Amino acid sequence: MKLTSAYRRYGDLGLFEVAGERDLAASCLFWRTLALQVNRDKCACILIRDLASDKVQPYEIMLIEKAMAESGLSRSLPIAIVDEDATQECNNRFGELVVQNRGWPLIRVFLKESEAWAWLDTFSTPDVLPGPKAGGGPKRP
């Protein structure tokens, strides 16, 4: 099954949902596509719901990061990746460490979506992100 992604914009937030099977080529294409959509819509932050199975090898993370760098994606854009599959946590932490060490300090991987939203909230004003704040609000997408 090939990698598929869906994109929606909520105010300044870009929300991506990724499913299917991820390999090196599909990962590079995803980050290029993400950069095009984010740059077009001038998103202030990104949440990625990662439901994909991972076929990426650890040594390929640097090649994916290179594709990210070449895509025109801003290194100062907060990007929260949610992968609730605990079996992928070690691989996700490794990928997070690699990209952060290669100049992407605002890419974080989370096991729980609530933690990702809390982290993204630190970069936003109350009206930027959808969802409950201290004073309440609509349900997050």
Protein backbone atom coordinates (compact mmCIF):
# COMPACT_ATOMS: atom_id res chain seq x y z
CA MET A 1 0.00 0.00 0.00
CA LYS A 2 1.50 3.32 -1.00
CA LEU A 3 1.82 6.35 1.26
CA THR A 4 -1.15 8.71 1.20
CA SER A 5 -1.57 12.07 2.86
CA ALA A 6 -4.43 14.46 3.46
CA TYR A 7 -4.01 18.15 4.21
CA ARG A 8 -6.34 20.65 5.83
CA ARG A 9 -5.70 24.17 6.97
CA TYR A 10 -7.16 25.57 10.18
CA GLY A 11 -6.25 29.24 10.49
CA ASP A 12 -2.46 29.31 10.61
CA LEU A 13 -2.19 25.58 11.34
CA GLY A 14 -1.50 22.98 8.65
CA LEU A 15 -2.82 19.53 9.58
CA PHE A 16 -1.50 16.51 7.68
CA GLU A 17 -2.65 12.91 8.07
CA VAL A 18 -0.33 10.28 6.66
CA ALA A 19 -1.22 6.61 6.14
CA GLY A 20 0.00 3.63 4.16
CA GLU A 21 3.56 2.41 3.79
CA ARG A 22 6.46 4.83 4.06
CA ASP A 23 9.78 4.23 2.34
CA LEU A 24 12.59 6.62 1.39
CA ALA A 25 11.06 7.83 -1.89
CA ALA A 26 7.59 8.30 -0.40
CA SER A 27 9.03 10.16 2.60
CA CYS A 28 10.99 12.57 0.43
CA LEU A 29 7.94 13.20 -1.75
CA PHE A 30 5.77 13.80 1.34
CA TRP A 31 8.14 16.47 2.74
CA ARG A 32 8.36 18.21 -0.65
CA THR A 33 4.56 18.23 -0.92
CA LEU A 34 4.22 19.46 2.66
CA ALA A 35 6.64 22.33 1.96
CA LEU A 36 4.67 23.40 -1.13
CA GLN A 37 1.36 23.46 0.73
CA VAL A 38 2.75 25.11 3.86
CA ASN A 39 4.58 27.80 1.90
CA ARG A 40 1.54 28.45 -0.29
CA ASP A 41 -0.79 28.79 2.71
CA LYS A 42 1.77 30.54 4.94
CA CYS A 43 1.16 28.17 7.85
CA ALA A 44 2.61 29.17 11.21
CA CYS A 45 2.84 25.61 12.53
CA ILE A 46 2.21 22.02 11.46
CA LEU A 47 0.69 18.95 13.06
CA ILE A 48 1.29 15.61 11.34
CA ARG A 49 -0.83 12.62 12.36
CA ASP A 50 1.37 9.70 11.37
CA LEU A 51 -0.55 6.47 10.82
CA ALA A 52 1.90 5.04 8.30
CA SER A 53 3.92 1.86 8.64
CA ASP A 54 7.61 2.57 8.43
CA LYS A 55 9.97 0.93 5.94
CA VAL A 56 12.59 3.70 6.23
CA GLN A 57 16.03 2.49 7.30
CA PRO A 58 17.88 4.50 9.98
CA TYR A 59 20.64 5.55 7.55
CA GLU A 60 17.97 6.99 5.20
CA ILE A 61 16.91 9.64 7.74
CA MET A 62 19.77 11.89 6.57
CA LEU A 63 18.56 11.59 2.96
CA ILE A 64 15.04 12.54 4.05
CA GLU A 65 16.43 15.53 5.93
CA LYS A 66 18.31 16.56 2.78
CA ALA A 67 15.03 16.47 0.83
CA MET A 68 13.43 18.60 3.56
CA ALA A 69 16.25 21.16 3.28
CA GLU A 70 15.99 21.27 -0.51
CA SER A 71 12.19 21.65 -0.40
CA GLY A 72 12.21 25.24 0.84
CA LEU A 73 10.62 24.31 4.16
CA SER A 74 11.46 26.82 6.89
CA ARG A 75 13.71 25.50 9.64
CA SER A 76 11.94 27.84 12.07
CA LEU A 77 8.50 26.28 11.51
CA PRO A 78 7.19 24.34 14.52
CA ILE A 79 6.29 20.82 13.37
CA ALA A 80 4.68 18.33 15.73
CA ILE A 81 4.56 14.73 14.53
CA VAL A 82 2.18 12.39 16.35
CA ASP A 83 2.89 8.67 16.04
CA GLU A 84 0.90 6.78 18.65
CA ASP A 85 2.55 3.47 17.71
CA ALA A 86 4.81 2.86 20.72
CA THR A 87 6.79 0.25 18.76
CA GLN A 88 8.10 3.10 16.57
CA GLU A 89 9.19 5.32 19.46
CA CYS A 90 12.88 4.37 19.29
CA ASN A 91 13.01 5.00 15.52
CA ASN A 92 11.07 8.26 15.94
CA ARG A 93 13.41 9.52 18.67
CA PHE A 94 16.39 8.71 16.45
CA GLY A 95 14.86 10.59 13.51
CA GLU A 96 14.01 13.55 15.73
CA LEU A 97 17.57 13.67 17.05
CA VAL A 98 19.06 13.49 13.54
CA VAL A 99 16.95 16.31 12.11
CA GLN A 100 17.41 18.50 15.18
CA ASN A 101 21.19 18.05 14.96
CA ARG A 102 21.02 18.97 11.28
CA GLY A 103 19.36 22.32 11.94
CA TRP A 104 15.64 21.65 12.53
CA PRO A 105 15.22 22.58 16.23
CA LEU A 106 11.42 22.83 16.06
CA ILE A 107 10.55 19.34 14.88
CA ARG A 108 9.25 17.15 17.68
CA VAL A 109 7.74 13.68 17.76
CA PHE A 110 5.00 12.80 20.26
CA LEU A 111 3.24 9.61 21.30
CA LYS A 112 0.10 11.49 22.33
CA GLU A 113 -1.70 14.09 20.27
CA SER A 114 -2.62 16.06 23.40
CA GLU A 115 1.09 16.57 24.12
CA ALA A 116 1.68 17.76 20.54
CA TRP A 117 -1.14 20.31 20.84
CA ALA A 118 0.23 21.55 24.18
CA TRP A 119 3.66 22.03 22.59
CA LEU A 120 2.23 23.80 19.52
CA ASP A 121 0.20 26.07 21.80
CA THR A 122 3.48 27.52 23.11
CA PHE A 123 4.09 28.98 19.63
CA SER A 124 0.67 30.47 19.06
CA THR A 125 -1.67 33.18 20.14
CA PRO A 126 -5.03 31.93 21.45
CA ASP A 127 -6.77 32.53 18.11
CA VAL A 128 -4.22 30.80 15.89
CA LEU A 129 -4.83 27.14 16.73
CA PRO A 130 -8.21 25.44 16.80
CA GLY A 131 -9.28 23.70 19.95
CA PRO A 132 -9.68 24.09 23.67
CA LYS A 133 -7.57 26.62 25.50
CA ALA A 134 -7.67 27.58 29.16
CA GLY A 135 -10.98 29.33 28.52
CA GLY A 136 -12.47 26.57 26.38
CA GLY A 137 -13.17 26.53 22.67
CA PRO A 138 -14.07 24.20 19.85
CA LYS A 139 -12.87 20.61 19.73
CA ARG A 140 -9.55 20.18 17.97
CA PRO A 141 -9.73 18.63 14.52
